[in-house]
């Protein structure tokens, strides 16, 4: 019974750490997109849409900052 408890708590801890890691990565990506948008509300919306598009296109995470910067530079306003 002791081994079962250790196993369950270890698996739960590993799952929680994995979930937290994924959430922090998402927050960092979202924060980057919003930082590139500045204070312009329309640009913030645009950048969040572009971030969702980048995730749908499966842009690699290491390439994401440059991709978002290029997208932000190409923003002409709506």
PDB file of N, CA and C in Angstrom:
ATOM      1  N   UNK A   1       0.819  -1.198   0.000  1.00  0.00           N
ATOM      2  CA  UNK A   1       0.000   0.000   0.000  1.00  0.00           C
ATOM      3  C   UNK A   1       0.860   1.257   0.000  1.00  0.00           C
ATOM      4  N   UNK A   2       1.980   1.209   0.693  1.00  0.00           N
ATOM      5  CA  UNK A   2       2.863   2.371   0.749  1.00  0.00           C
ATOM      6  C   UNK A   2       3.404   2.722  -0.640  1.00  0.00           C
ATOM      7  N   UNK A   3       3.758   1.699  -1.399  1.00  0.00           N
ATOM      8  CA  UNK A   3       4.286   1.942  -2.745  1.00  0.00           C
ATOM      9  C   UNK A   3       3.221   2.556  -3.654  1.00  0.00           C
ATOM     10  N   UNK A   4       2.006   2.157  -3.488  1.00  0.00           N
ATOM     11  CA  UNK A   4       0.912   2.722  -4.274  1.00  0.00           C
ATOM     12  C   UNK A   4       0.752   4.216  -3.985  1.00  0.00           C
ATOM     13  N   UNK A   5       0.813   4.576  -2.729  1.00  0.00           N
ATOM     14  CA  UNK A   5       0.686   5.992  -2.344  1.00  0.00           C
ATOM     15  C   UNK A   5       1.846   6.795  -2.916  1.00  0.00           C
ATOM     16  N   UNK A   6       3.039   6.264  -2.825  1.00  0.00           N
ATOM     17  CA  UNK A   6       4.219   6.949  -3.375  1.00  0.00           C
ATOM     18  C   UNK A   6       4.085   7.098  -4.887  1.00  0.00           C
ATOM     19  N   UNK A   7       3.635   6.029  -5.544  1.00  0.00           N
ATOM     20  CA  UNK A   7       3.462   6.065  -6.994  1.00  0.00           C
ATOM     21  C   UNK A   7       2.434   7.123  -7.398  1.00  0.00           C
ATOM     22  N   UNK A   8       1.292   7.133  -6.747  1.00  0.00           N
ATOM     23  CA  UNK A   8       0.222   8.081  -7.081  1.00  0.00           C
ATOM     24  C   UNK A   8       0.671   9.512  -6.848  1.00  0.00           C
ATOM     25  N   UNK A   9       1.317   9.783  -5.729  1.00  0.00           N
ATOM     26  CA  UNK A   9       1.750  11.160  -5.456  1.00  0.00           C
ATOM     27  C   UNK A   9       2.858  11.585  -6.416  1.00  0.00           C
ATOM     28  N   UNK A  10       3.728  10.667  -6.791  1.00  0.00           N
ATOM     29  CA  UNK A  10       4.788  10.991  -7.757  1.00  0.00           C
ATOM     30  C   UNK A  10       4.196  11.308  -9.122  1.00  0.00           C
ATOM     31  N   UNK A  11       3.265  10.494  -9.570  1.00  0.00           N
ATOM     32  CA  UNK A  11       2.623  10.738 -10.870  1.00  0.00           C
ATOM     33  C   UNK A  11       1.851  12.047 -10.840  1.00  0.00           C
ATOM     34  N   UNK A  12       1.131  12.313  -9.753  1.00  0.00           N
ATOM     35  CA  UNK A  12       0.385  13.566  -9.642  1.00  0.00           C
ATOM     36  C   UNK A  12       1.329  14.760  -9.644  1.00  0.00           C
ATOM     37  N   UNK A  13       2.449  14.650  -8.963  1.00  0.00           N
ATOM     38  CA  UNK A  13       3.434  15.737  -8.933  1.00  0.00           C
ATOM     39  C   UNK A  13       4.042  15.984 -10.305  1.00  0.00           C
ATOM     40  N   UNK A  14       4.385  14.904 -11.004  1.00  0.00           N
ATOM     41  CA  UNK A  14       4.953  15.057 -12.350  1.00  0.00           C
ATOM     42  C   UNK A  14       3.942  15.669 -13.308  1.00  0.00           C
ATOM     43  N   UNK A  15       2.689  15.239 -13.213  1.00  0.00           N
ATOM     44  CA  UNK A  15       1.644  15.815 -14.056  1.00  0.00           C
ATOM     45  C   UNK A  15       1.485  17.302 -13.773  1.00  0.00           C
ATOM     46  N   UNK A  16       1.459  17.676 -12.505  1.00  0.00           N
ATOM     47  CA  UNK A  16       1.313  19.081 -12.138  1.00  0.00           C
ATOM     48  C   UNK A  16       2.474  19.908 -12.660  1.00  0.00           C
ATOM     49  N   UNK A  17       3.687  19.403 -12.525  1.00  0.00           N
ATOM     50  CA  UNK A  17       4.844  20.149 -13.027  1.00  0.00           C
ATOM     51  C   UNK A  17       4.807  20.290 -14.540  1.00  0.00           C
ATOM     52  N   UNK A  18       4.387  19.253 -15.235  1.00  0.00           N
ATOM     53  CA  UNK A  18       4.252  19.347 -16.689  1.00  0.00           C
ATOM     54  C   UNK A  18       3.199  20.357 -17.085  1.00  0.00           C
ATOM     55  N   UNK A  19       2.063  20.329 -16.404  1.00  0.00           N
ATOM     56  CA  UNK A  19       0.985  21.294 -16.670  1.00  0.00           C
ATOM     57  C   UNK A  19       1.467  22.712 -16.410  1.00  0.00           C
ATOM     58  N   UNK A  20       2.159  22.914 -15.305  1.00  0.00           N
ATOM     59  CA  UNK A  20       2.667  24.243 -14.959  1.00  0.00           C
ATOM     60  C   UNK A  20       3.679  24.726 -15.994  1.00  0.00           C
ATOM     61  N   UNK A  21       4.550  23.843 -16.460  1.00  0.00           N
ATOM     62  CA  UNK A  21       5.545  24.184 -17.471  1.00  0.00           C
ATOM     63  C   UNK A  21       4.872  24.663 -18.761  1.00  0.00           C
ATOM     64  N   UNK A  22       3.851  23.942 -19.194  1.00  0.00           N
ATOM     65  CA  UNK A  22       3.128  24.321 -20.417  1.00  0.00           C
ATOM     66  C   UNK A  22       2.432  25.662 -20.229  1.00  0.00           C
ATOM     67  N   UNK A  23       1.789  25.868 -19.079  1.00  0.00           N
ATOM     68  CA  UNK A  23       1.102  27.133 -18.806  1.00  0.00           C
ATOM     69  C   UNK A  23       2.081  28.315 -18.803  1.00  0.00           C
ATOM     70  N   UNK A  24       3.235  28.141 -18.195  1.00  0.00           N
ATOM     71  CA  UNK A  24       4.223  29.224 -18.149  1.00  0.00           C
ATOM     72  C   UNK A  24       4.717  29.549 -19.555  1.00  0.00           C
ATOM     73  N   UNK A  25       4.941  28.533 -20.374  1.00  0.00           N
ATOM     74  CA  UNK A  25       5.363  28.790 -21.761  1.00  0.00           C
ATOM     75  C   UNK A  25       4.300  29.580 -22.518  1.00  0.00           C
ATOM     76  N   UNK A  26       3.027  29.204 -22.328  1.00  0.00           N
ATOM     77  CA  UNK A  26       1.939  29.935 -22.989  1.00  0.00           C
ATOM     78  C   UNK A  26       1.879  31.373 -22.505  1.00  0.00           C
ATOM     79  N   UNK A  27       2.045  31.580 -21.199  1.00  0.00           N
ATOM     80  CA  UNK A  27       2.026  32.941 -20.662  1.00  0.00           C
ATOM     81  C   UNK A  27       3.181  33.769 -21.219  1.00  0.00           C
ATOM     82  N   UNK A  28       4.354  33.144 -21.355  1.00  0.00           N
ATOM     83  CA  UNK A  28       5.508  33.870 -21.896  1.00  0.00           C
ATOM     84  C   UNK A  28       5.266  34.267 -23.352  1.00  0.00           C
ATOM     85  N   UNK A  29       4.700  33.362 -24.138  1.00  0.00           N
ATOM     86  CA  UNK A  29       4.410  33.665 -25.541  1.00  0.00           C
ATOM     87  C   UNK A  29       3.373  34.785 -25.647  1.00  0.00           C
ATOM     88  N   UNK A  30       2.346  34.711 -24.824  1.00  0.00           N
ATOM     89  CA  UNK A  30       1.297  35.740 -24.831  1.00  0.00           C
ATOM     90  C   UNK A  30       1.865  37.083 -24.385  1.00  0.00           C
ATOM     91  N   UNK A  31       2.714  37.060 -23.368  1.00  0.00           N
ATOM     92  CA  UNK A  31       3.329  38.291 -22.878  1.00  0.00           C
ATOM     93  C   UNK A  31       4.221  38.913 -23.944  1.00  0.00           C
ATOM     94  N   UNK A  32       4.944  38.093 -24.692  1.00  0.00           N
ATOM     95  CA  UNK A  32       5.780  38.604 -25.774  1.00  0.00           C
ATOM     96  C   UNK A  32       4.927  39.285 -26.833  1.00  0.00           C
ATOM     97  N   UNK A  33       3.848  38.643 -27.231  1.00  0.00           N
ATOM     98  CA  UNK A  33       2.969  39.218 -28.251  1.00  0.00           C
ATOM     99  C   UNK A  33       2.385  40.544 -27.773  1.00  0.00           C
ATOM    100  N   UNK A  34       1.963  40.596 -26.523  1.00  0.00           N
ATOM    101  CA  UNK A  34       1.387  41.839 -25.992  1.00  0.00           C
ATOM    102  C   UNK A  34       2.451  42.922 -25.821  1.00  0.00           C
ATOM    103  N   UNK A  35       3.662  42.537 -25.469  1.00  0.00           N
ATOM    104  CA  UNK A  35       4.743  43.519 -25.328  1.00  0.00           C
ATOM    105  C   UNK A  35       5.095  44.139 -26.679  1.00  0.00           C
ATOM    106  N   UNK A  36       5.062  43.331 -27.725  1.00  0.00           N
ATOM    107  CA  UNK A  36       5.358  43.851 -29.058  1.00  0.00           C
ATOM    108  C   UNK A  36       4.251  44.776 -29.560  1.00  0.00           C
ATOM    109  N   UNK A  37       3.050  44.615 -29.007  1.00  0.00           N
ATOM    110  CA  UNK A  37       1.924  45.448 -29.427  1.00  0.00           C
ATOM    111  C   UNK A  37       1.956  46.825 -28.782  1.00  0.00           C
ATOM    112  N   UNK A  38       2.619  46.955 -27.656  1.00  0.00           N
ATOM    113  CA  UNK A  38       2.638  48.249 -26.969  1.00  0.00           C
ATOM    114  C   UNK A  38       1.302  48.533 -26.310  1.00  0.00           C
ATOM    115  N   UNK A  39       0.875  49.799 -26.368  1.00  0.00           N
ATOM    116  CA  UNK A  39      -0.366  50.192 -25.700  1.00  0.00           C
ATOM    117  C   UNK A  39      -1.563  50.259 -26.641  1.00  0.00           C
ATOM    118  N   UNK A  40      -1.347  49.992 -27.900  1.00  0.00           N
ATOM    119  CA  UNK A  40      -2.406  50.041 -28.904  1.00  0.00           C
ATOM    120  C   UNK A  40      -3.315  48.816 -28.765  1.00  0.00           C
ATOM    121  N   UNK A  41      -4.577  49.051 -28.400  1.00  0.00           N
ATOM    122  CA  UNK A  41      -5.512  47.952 -28.156  1.00  0.00           C
ATOM    123  C   UNK A  41      -5.793  47.140 -29.415  1.00  0.00           C
ATOM    124  N   UNK A  42      -5.912  47.808 -30.556  1.00  0.00           N
ATOM    125  CA  UNK A  42      -6.152  47.078 -31.805  1.00  0.00           C
ATOM    126  C   UNK A  42      -4.960  46.211 -32.172  1.00  0.00           C
ATOM    127  N   UNK A  43      -3.771  46.721 -31.917  1.00  0.00           N
ATOM    128  CA  UNK A  43      -2.569  45.951 -32.220  1.00  0.00           C
ATOM    129  C   UNK A  43      -2.447  44.762 -31.260  1.00  0.00           C
ATOM    130  N   UNK A  44      -2.874  44.941 -30.020  1.00  0.00           N
ATOM    131  CA  UNK A  44      -2.864  43.818 -29.074  1.00  0.00           C
ATOM    132  C   UNK A  44      -3.755  42.688 -29.579  1.00  0.00           C
ATOM    133  N   UNK A  45      -4.950  43.063 -30.022  1.00  0.00           N
ATOM    134  CA  UNK A  45      -5.872  42.066 -30.566  1.00  0.00           C
ATOM    135  C   UNK A  45      -5.261  41.392 -31.784  1.00  0.00           C
ATOM    136  N   UNK A  46      -4.676  42.183 -32.665  1.00  0.00           N
ATOM    137  CA  UNK A  46      -4.029  41.662 -33.865  1.00  0.00           C
ATOM    138  C   UNK A  46      -2.900  40.689 -33.504  1.00  0.00           C
ATOM    139  N   UNK A  47      -2.077  41.068 -32.541  1.00  0.00           N
ATOM    140  CA  UNK A  47      -0.938  40.229 -32.171  1.00  0.00           C
ATOM    141  C   UNK A  47      -1.396  38.923 -31.520  1.00  0.00           C
ATOM    142  N   UNK A  48      -2.458  38.970 -30.730  1.00  0.00           N
ATOM    143  CA  UNK A  48      -2.974  37.732 -30.141  1.00  0.00           C
ATOM    144  C   UNK A  48      -3.542  36.815 -31.223  1.00  0.00           C
ATOM    145  N   UNK A  49      -4.175  37.408 -32.240  1.00  0.00           N
ATOM    146  CA  UNK A  49      -4.660  36.612 -33.364  1.00  0.00           C
ATOM    147  C   UNK A  49      -3.490  35.987 -34.122  1.00  0.00           C
ATOM    148  N   UNK A  50      -2.430  36.762 -34.305  1.00  0.00           N
ATOM    149  CA  UNK A  50      -1.251  36.250 -35.000  1.00  0.00           C
ATOM    150  C   UNK A  50      -0.571  35.153 -34.192  1.00  0.00           C
ATOM    151  N   UNK A  51      -0.552  35.290 -32.877  1.00  0.00           N
ATOM    152  CA  UNK A  51       0.015  34.247 -32.022  1.00  0.00           C
ATOM    153  C   UNK A  51      -0.782  32.957 -32.170  1.00  0.00           C
ATOM    154  N   UNK A  52      -2.095  33.070 -32.185  1.00  0.00           N
ATOM    155  CA  UNK A  52      -2.940  31.885 -32.387  1.00  0.00           C
ATOM    156  C   UNK A  52      -2.675  31.279 -33.767  1.00  0.00           C
ATOM    157  N   UNK A  53      -2.484  32.132 -34.762  1.00  0.00           N
ATOM    158  CA  UNK A  53      -2.166  31.641 -36.102  1.00  0.00           C
ATOM    159  C   UNK A  53      -0.820  30.953 -36.154  1.00  0.00           C
ATOM    160  N   UNK A  54       0.146  31.493 -35.441  1.00  0.00           N
ATOM    161  CA  UNK A  54       1.474  30.869 -35.398  1.00  0.00           C
ATOM    162  C   UNK A  54       1.401  29.502 -34.738  1.00  0.00           C
ATOM    163  N   UNK A  55       0.594  29.396 -33.701  1.00  0.00           N
ATOM    164  CA  UNK A  55       0.443  28.103 -33.041  1.00  0.00           C
ATOM    165  C   UNK A  55      -0.270  27.118 -33.961  1.00  0.00           C
ATOM    166  N   UNK A  56      -1.236  27.594 -34.735  1.00  0.00           N
ATOM    167  CA  UNK A  56      -1.946  26.724 -35.673  1.00  0.00           C
ATOM    168  C   UNK A  56      -1.015  26.269 -36.804  1.00  0.00           C
ATOM    169  N   UNK A  57      -0.094  27.159 -37.204  1.00  0.00           N
ATOM    170  CA  UNK A  57       0.869  26.827 -38.258  1.00  0.00           C
ATOM    171  C   UNK A  57       2.032  26.000 -37.726  1.00  0.00           C
ATOM    172  N   UNK A  58       2.057  25.812 -36.417  1.00  0.00           N
ATOM    173  CA  UNK A  58       3.105  25.048 -35.740  1.00  0.00           C
ATOM    174  C   UNK A  58       4.487  25.659 -35.954  1.00  0.00           C
ATOM    175  N   UNK A  59       4.543  26.982 -35.809  1.00  0.00           N
ATOM    176  CA  UNK A  59       5.831  27.681 -35.848  1.00  0.00           C
ATOM    177  C   UNK A  59       6.629  27.219 -34.632  1.00  0.00           C
ATOM    178  N   UNK A  60       7.875  26.866 -34.831  1.00  0.00           N
ATOM    179  CA  UNK A  60       8.691  26.375 -33.723  1.00  0.00           C
ATOM    180  C   UNK A  60       8.888  27.485 -32.698  1.00  0.00           C
ATOM    181  N   UNK A  61       8.956  27.087 -31.467  1.00  0.00           N
ATOM    182  CA  UNK A  61       9.038  28.060 -30.376  1.00  0.00           C
ATOM    183  C   UNK A  61      10.306  28.909 -30.471  1.00  0.00           C
ATOM    184  N   UNK A  62      11.385  28.340 -30.927  1.00  0.00           N
ATOM    185  CA  UNK A  62      12.627  29.121 -31.037  1.00  0.00           C
ATOM    186  C   UNK A  62      12.530  30.179 -32.135  1.00  0.00           C
ATOM    187  N   UNK A  63      11.649  29.946 -33.123  1.00  0.00           N
ATOM    188  CA  UNK A  63      11.466  30.900 -34.214  1.00  0.00           C
ATOM    189  C   UNK A  63      10.349  31.899 -33.933  1.00  0.00           C
ATOM    190  N   UNK A  64       9.572  31.648 -32.904  1.00  0.00           N
ATOM    191  CA  UNK A  64       8.401  32.470 -32.618  1.00  0.00           C
ATOM    192  C   UNK A  64       8.731  33.938 -32.337  1.00  0.00           C
ATOM    193  N   UNK A  65       9.745  34.263 -31.528  1.00  0.00           N
ATOM    194  CA  UNK A  65      10.019  35.687 -31.283  1.00  0.00           C
ATOM    195  C   UNK A  65      10.314  36.475 -32.564  1.00  0.00           C
ATOM    196  N   UNK A  66      11.140  35.925 -33.439  1.00  0.00           N
ATOM    197  CA  UNK A  66      11.449  36.622 -34.694  1.00  0.00           C
ATOM    198  C   UNK A  66      10.209  36.737 -35.574  1.00  0.00           C
ATOM    199  N   UNK A  67       9.410  35.670 -35.594  1.00  0.00           N
ATOM    200  CA  UNK A  67       8.194  35.682 -36.397  1.00  0.00           C
ATOM    201  C   UNK A  67       7.229  36.742 -35.885  1.00  0.00           C
ATOM    202  N   UNK A  68       7.069  36.820 -34.577  1.00  0.00           N
ATOM    203  CA  UNK A  68       6.171  37.828 -34.003  1.00  0.00           C
ATOM    204  C   UNK A  68       6.707  39.247 -34.222  1.00  0.00           C
ATOM    205  N   UNK A  69       8.006  39.424 -34.109  1.00  0.00           N
ATOM    206  CA  UNK A  69       8.595  40.742 -34.359  1.00  0.00           C
ATOM    207  C   UNK A  69       8.352  41.181 -35.796  1.00  0.00           C
ATOM    208  N   UNK A  70       8.532  40.263 -36.732  1.00  0.00           N
ATOM    209  CA  UNK A  70       8.302  40.588 -38.141  1.00  0.00           C
ATOM    210  C   UNK A  70       6.822  40.913 -38.370  1.00  0.00           C
ATOM    211  N   UNK A  71       5.952  40.169 -37.727  1.00  0.00           N
ATOM    212  CA  UNK A  71       4.509  40.436 -37.855  1.00  0.00           C
ATOM    213  C   UNK A  71       4.150  41.781 -37.264  1.00  0.00           C
ATOM    214  N   UNK A  72       4.737  42.101 -36.116  1.00  0.00           N
ATOM    215  CA  UNK A  72       4.459  43.392 -35.478  1.00  0.00           C
ATOM    216  C   UNK A  72       4.974  44.540 -36.329  1.00  0.00           C
ATOM    217  N   UNK A  73       6.132  44.334 -36.965  1.00  0.00           N
ATOM    218  CA  UNK A  73       6.698  45.393 -37.816  1.00  0.00           C
ATOM    219  C   UNK A  73       5.833  45.599 -39.059  1.00  0.00           C
ATOM    220  N   UNK A  74       5.172  44.554 -39.515  1.00  0.00           N
ATOM    221  CA  UNK A  74       4.337  44.661 -40.703  1.00  0.00           C
ATOM    222  C   UNK A  74       2.925  45.141 -40.416  1.00  0.00           C
ATOM    223  N   UNK A  75       2.610  45.374 -39.161  1.00  0.00           N
ATOM    224  CA  UNK A  75       1.263  45.833 -38.782  1.00  0.00           C
ATOM    225  C   UNK A  75       1.056  47.253 -39.277  1.00  0.00           C
ATOM    226  N   UNK A  76      -0.036  47.460 -40.017  1.00  0.00           N
ATOM    227  CA  UNK A  76      -0.290  48.788 -40.572  1.00  0.00           C
ATOM    228  C   UNK A  76      -1.507  49.440 -39.943  1.00  0.00           C
ATOM    229  N   UNK A  77      -2.115  48.800 -38.999  1.00  0.00           N
ATOM    230  CA  UNK A  77      -3.320  49.342 -38.383  1.00  0.00           C
ATOM    231  C   UNK A  77      -4.539  48.887 -39.140  1.00  0.00           C
ATOM    232  N   UNK A  78      -5.666  48.926 -38.466  1.00  0.00           N
ATOM    233  CA  UNK A  78      -6.906  48.460 -39.114  1.00  0.00           C
ATOM    234  C   UNK A  78      -7.806  49.598 -39.415  1.00  0.00           C
TER     235      UNK A  78
END
